Protein backbone atom coordinates (compact mmCIF):
# COMPACT_ATOMS: atom_id res chain seq x y z
CA MET A 1 0.05 0.19 -0.08
CA ASN A 2 2.89 2.43 0.82
CA LYS A 3 4.74 1.64 -2.33
CA VAL A 4 1.42 2.57 -4.27
CA LEU A 5 0.87 5.30 -2.34
CA TYR A 6 4.79 6.60 -3.02
CA THR A 7 4.36 5.79 -7.07
CA ILE A 8 1.49 8.03 -7.40
CA VAL A 9 2.95 10.78 -5.54
CA SER A 10 5.65 10.34 -7.14
CA ILE A 11 3.74 10.91 -10.50
CA LEU A 12 2.03 13.65 -9.77
CA ALA A 13 5.31 15.51 -8.54
CA LEU A 14 6.80 14.18 -11.93
CA THR A 15 3.90 15.86 -13.60
CA SER A 16 3.54 19.16 -11.76
CA CYS A 17 7.61 19.86 -12.94
CA ALA A 18 6.19 19.79 -16.56
CA ASN A 19 4.64 22.63 -18.37
CA SER A 20 1.43 22.14 -20.31
CA PHE A 21 0.95 24.33 -23.35
CA HIS A 22 -1.57 24.34 -25.79
CA ILE A 23 -0.94 26.93 -29.02
CA THR A 24 -3.63 28.56 -30.72
CA GLY A 25 -3.43 30.09 -34.38
CA THR A 26 -5.20 31.97 -36.88
CA THR A 27 -4.12 33.36 -40.14
CA SER A 28 -5.45 35.36 -43.14
CA VAL A 29 -2.51 34.92 -45.26
CA SER A 30 -4.27 32.47 -48.17
CA VAL A 31 -1.06 30.81 -49.29
CA LEU A 32 -0.53 29.63 -45.83
CA ASP A 33 -3.79 27.26 -46.01
CA GLY A 34 -2.60 23.83 -46.82
CA GLN A 35 1.21 24.23 -45.48
CA LYS A 36 2.12 22.21 -43.23
CA LEU A 37 3.58 23.81 -39.53
CA TYR A 38 6.20 22.60 -37.46
CA LEU A 39 7.02 23.66 -33.52
CA LYS A 40 10.41 23.04 -32.73
CA VAL A 41 13.20 23.87 -29.80
CA LEU A 42 17.11 23.47 -29.73
CA LYS A 43 18.30 20.12 -27.93
CA ASP A 44 22.41 19.31 -28.02
CA THR A 45 23.01 21.89 -30.54
CA THR A 46 20.23 20.35 -33.16
CA LEU A 47 16.39 21.32 -33.71
CA LYS A 48 14.23 18.90 -32.10
CA ASN A 49 10.61 18.75 -34.19
CA ILE A 50 8.13 18.12 -31.05
CA ASP A 51 4.70 18.83 -32.80
CA SER A 52 3.37 19.65 -36.22
CA CYS A 53 -0.23 20.19 -38.01
CA ASP A 54 -1.56 21.37 -41.31
CA VAL A 55 -3.23 24.83 -41.62
CA VAL A 56 -6.91 24.31 -42.61
CA HIS A 57 -9.25 27.08 -43.20
CA GLY A 58 -6.39 29.51 -41.93
CA GLN A 59 -6.82 27.48 -38.34
CA PHE A 60 -4.03 25.26 -36.54
CA GLN A 61 -2.86 24.26 -33.10
CA PHE A 62 -0.18 22.69 -31.43
CA GLY A 63 0.15 20.89 -27.82
CA GLY A 64 1.79 19.33 -25.35
CA THR A 65 4.58 19.66 -22.58
CA THR A 66 8.13 20.75 -21.76
CA ASP A 67 10.32 19.56 -19.08
CA SER A 68 10.98 23.81 -18.63
CA VAL A 69 9.90 27.24 -19.67
CA ARG A 70 11.68 27.25 -23.55
CA VAL A 71 11.83 29.30 -26.53
CA ALA A 72 10.75 27.31 -29.61
CA ASN A 73 9.82 28.05 -32.95
CA ILE A 74 6.93 27.94 -35.52
CA ILE A 75 8.64 27.16 -38.87
CA LEU A 76 6.57 27.14 -41.68
CA ASP A 77 6.99 25.41 -45.19
CA ASP A 78 9.08 28.00 -46.83
CA GLY A 79 11.58 28.47 -43.59
CA ASN A 80 10.17 31.69 -42.21
CA SER A 81 9.80 31.03 -38.46
CA LEU A 82 8.00 32.96 -35.61
CA PRO A 83 9.01 32.66 -31.85
CA VAL A 84 6.61 31.15 -29.32
CA VAL A 85 7.59 31.01 -25.20
CA LEU A 86 6.52 27.50 -24.42
CA GLU A 87 4.96 28.08 -21.02
CA ASP A 88 2.11 26.73 -19.30
CA GLY A 89 -1.59 28.09 -20.51
CA ASP A 90 -3.38 28.75 -23.71
CA ILE A 91 -1.11 30.95 -26.48
CA GLN A 92 -2.88 32.62 -29.21
CA VAL A 93 -1.04 32.88 -32.31
CA LYS A 94 -2.30 35.60 -34.73
CA ILE A 95 -0.49 35.35 -38.74
CA ASP A 96 -1.59 38.32 -41.06
CA ASN A 97 0.45 40.23 -44.07
CA THR A 98 1.54 42.70 -41.84
CA GLN A 99 2.36 41.19 -38.49
CA GLU A 100 2.15 38.35 -36.17
CA THR A 101 1.09 38.28 -32.46
CA VAL A 102 1.73 35.62 -30.03
CA THR A 103 -0.29 36.38 -26.88
CA GLY A 104 -2.00 34.44 -23.74
CA THR A 105 0.82 33.66 -21.59
CA PRO A 106 2.94 36.43 -19.33
CA LEU A 107 6.54 35.98 -21.54
CA ASN A 108 4.55 35.82 -25.09
CA ASP A 109 2.76 38.94 -24.13
CA LYS A 110 6.11 40.58 -23.42
CA LEU A 111 8.19 39.16 -26.30
CA THR A 112 5.47 40.02 -28.66
CA LYS A 113 5.26 43.56 -27.24
CA PHE A 114 9.13 44.00 -27.88
CA ARG A 115 9.03 42.93 -31.37
CA GLN A 116 6.40 45.17 -32.00
CA GLN A 117 8.53 48.14 -30.56
CA PHE A 118 11.52 46.64 -32.53
CA THR A 119 9.26 46.72 -35.60
CA ARG A 120 8.23 50.08 -35.44
CA LEU A 121 12.23 51.44 -35.42
CA MET A 122 12.63 49.36 -38.03
CA ASN A 123 10.15 50.88 -40.17
CA GLU A 124 11.46 54.36 -39.14
CA SER A 125 14.63 53.24 -39.81
CA ASN A 126 14.02 52.26 -43.52
CA ASP A 127 11.36 55.38 -44.01
CA LEU A 128 14.74 57.45 -43.76
CA VAL A 129 15.79 55.55 -47.33
CA HIS A 130 12.61 56.83 -48.74
CA GLN A 131 13.07 60.59 -47.44
CA HIS A 132 16.76 60.76 -49.11
CA ASP A 133 15.40 59.27 -51.95
CA GLN A 134 12.52 61.64 -51.98
CA ALA A 135 15.04 64.39 -51.52
CA ILE A 136 17.24 63.70 -54.67
CA MET A 137 13.71 63.43 -56.64
CA ASN A 138 12.79 66.81 -55.51
CA GLY A 139 16.20 68.26 -55.84
CA ARG A 140 16.68 69.53 -52.26
CA ASN A 141 20.17 70.58 -51.02
CA MET A 142 21.43 67.12 -50.12
CA ASP A 143 23.99 68.61 -47.28
CA VAL A 144 21.09 69.67 -45.32
CA VAL A 145 18.98 66.65 -45.80
CA ASN A 146 21.94 64.22 -45.22
CA SER A 147 22.79 66.06 -41.80
CA ARG A 148 18.91 65.88 -40.87
CA LEU A 149 18.64 62.11 -42.07
CA ALA A 150 22.18 61.33 -40.29
CA ALA A 151 20.70 62.72 -36.68
CA LYS A 152 17.59 61.05 -37.05
CA ASP A 153 19.42 57.96 -37.50
CA ALA A 154 21.21 58.28 -34.46
CA ASP A 155 18.47 58.79 -32.74
CA ILE A 156 17.02 55.65 -33.85
CA ASN A 157 19.86 53.52 -33.38
CA ARG A 158 19.82 55.49 -29.60
CA ARG A 159 16.22 54.29 -28.86
CA MET A 160 16.86 51.10 -30.36
CA ASP A 161 19.75 50.02 -28.15
CA LYS A 162 18.09 51.20 -24.86
CA LEU A 163 14.98 49.00 -26.07
CA VAL A 164 17.22 45.44 -26.98
CA THR A 165 19.44 46.42 -23.38
CA ASN A 166 16.25 47.47 -21.30
CA PHE A 167 14.16 44.02 -22.54
CA VAL A 168 17.70 41.93 -21.82
CA THR A 169 18.21 43.36 -18.40
CA ASP A 170 14.30 43.42 -17.26
CA ASN A 171 13.99 39.74 -18.38
CA MET A 172 17.62 38.22 -17.18
CA ASP A 173 15.98 36.00 -15.21
CA ASN A 174 13.52 34.37 -17.34
CA VAL A 175 14.60 32.89 -21.16
CA LEU A 176 13.82 35.75 -22.60
CA GLY A 177 16.96 38.18 -22.00
CA PRO A 178 19.23 34.98 -22.66
CA TYR A 179 17.10 34.61 -26.30
CA ILE A 180 17.30 38.05 -26.74
CA PHE A 181 21.21 38.20 -25.96
CA ILE A 182 22.07 35.61 -27.80
CA THR A 183 19.92 36.44 -31.24
CA VAL A 184 21.76 39.90 -30.94
CA CYS A 185 25.22 38.43 -30.79
CA MET A 186 24.63 36.20 -33.44
CA ASN A 187 23.18 38.80 -35.94
CA LYS A 188 26.48 41.10 -35.43
CA TYR A 189 29.24 38.18 -35.51
CA ASN A 190 30.28 35.70 -37.06
CA VAL A 191 31.79 34.18 -34.18
CA PRO A 192 31.66 35.18 -30.51
CA MET A 193 33.45 38.16 -29.79
CA LEU A 194 33.10 40.70 -26.85
CA ASP A 195 32.32 44.64 -27.85
CA ALA A 196 31.04 47.34 -25.52
CA TRP A 197 27.25 45.84 -25.50
CA VAL A 198 28.23 42.75 -24.33
CA GLU A 199 30.35 43.74 -21.90
CA ASP A 200 28.07 46.19 -20.71
CA ILE A 201 25.26 43.59 -20.41
CA MET A 202 27.44 41.07 -18.75
CA SER A 203 28.46 43.78 -16.22
CA ARG A 204 24.95 43.61 -15.21
CA ALA A 205 24.21 40.07 -15.19
CA THR A 206 22.49 38.32 -13.04
CA ASP A 207 23.70 34.55 -11.71
CA LYS A 208 21.39 32.78 -13.37
CA PHE A 209 21.85 35.07 -16.49
CA LYS A 210 25.55 34.42 -16.80
CA ASN A 211 25.00 30.63 -16.08
CA ASN A 212 22.63 30.07 -18.83
CA PRO A 213 24.32 27.29 -20.69
CA GLN A 214 23.79 29.29 -23.91
CA VAL A 215 25.56 32.91 -22.39
CA LYS A 216 27.85 31.02 -20.89
CA GLU A 217 28.83 29.27 -23.74
CA TYR A 218 29.35 32.33 -25.70
CA TYR A 219 30.73 34.72 -23.27
CA GLU A 220 33.95 31.84 -22.65
CA ALA A 221 34.45 31.53 -26.23
CA ALA A 222 34.52 35.40 -26.98
CA GLN A 223 36.87 36.16 -24.09
CA GLU A 224 39.10 32.92 -25.50
CA ASN A 225 39.06 34.89 -28.88
CA GLN A 226 39.40 38.28 -27.68
CA ASN A 227 42.65 36.78 -26.02
CA ILE A 228 43.99 35.13 -29.46
CA MET A 229 43.06 38.79 -31.14
CA ASN A 230 45.09 40.11 -28.40
CA GLY A 231 48.24 37.42 -28.96
CA THR A 232 47.91 36.54 -25.01
CA LYS A 233 46.75 32.98 -26.32
CA VAL A 234 47.66 30.43 -29.10
CA PRO A 235 44.82 30.12 -31.41
CA ASP A 236 42.95 26.53 -31.85
CA THR A 237 43.07 25.51 -35.49
CA GLN A 238 39.81 26.67 -35.52
CA PRO A 239 38.47 30.18 -33.44
CA GLN A 240 36.00 29.76 -31.46
CA GLN A 241 32.43 28.79 -32.58
CA ALA A 242 29.20 31.00 -31.18
CA PRO A 243 26.62 28.69 -29.67
CA PRO A 244 23.45 28.00 -31.58
CA PRO A 245 20.69 30.55 -31.15
CA PRO A 246 18.10 29.16 -28.60
CA ALA A 247 16.12 27.87 -31.56
CA GLU A 248 16.24 28.67 -34.62
CA GLY A 249 14.50 31.78 -34.27
CA PRO A 250 14.88 35.16 -35.73
CA THR A 251 17.32 38.10 -35.80
CA PRO A 252 16.15 41.09 -34.57
CA ASN A 253 16.12 42.35 -37.88
CA GLU A 254 14.35 39.38 -39.24
CA MET A 255 11.91 40.12 -36.23
CA ALA A 256 10.67 43.17 -37.98
CA GLN A 257 9.99 41.43 -41.01
């Protein structure tokens, strides 16, 4: 009797450690109808498929459990992807021709809000090119125009840096901080490198952030590569490679698409 009771308690304890998620999606993009979507997470440096479904009449859904909260990606047939945090709760995904949203749970709400803010800044940046071309067509004084656009560009970059930095530092103790940190680093360099932004983030890092496997691996590799560049370490045959992103997720630029 005691053994049976212990077994039941053990099963309940194990079940409580799992994160149950349910993803319900809708899309107004007609070309997605009939496509197969895949839900994948990174495991041991490779993407592992944990669920798949077909888009039927603009609707799709995924479901399952995961041993920990993590960032996964919904992969489309054409290779595009949409990040989604697998956490307890009902997650709603909406995809249309102008944006994608993932809402319904705390971390997904946070990530979607960040992506929307980032997209707005990217749109502002892209509009500068249009303003430049329009000024040329209108015969404007380009010295004046370029000076004005350079000031606008600097302001956008400042706001973008503040947005990303604040998001990483505000989310260091959940999966979003490491995810965005690694995504930014992978977008900037082919191999792990130290720069002022990375050092600034690490100077503020919590112990949990520093010990995140991807962050720890990246930072140690970046330090080693820096030592090689400084001549204080003999290089290996190959420079230290960056760890793969937490999932086959988008870079910040891709998030704005």
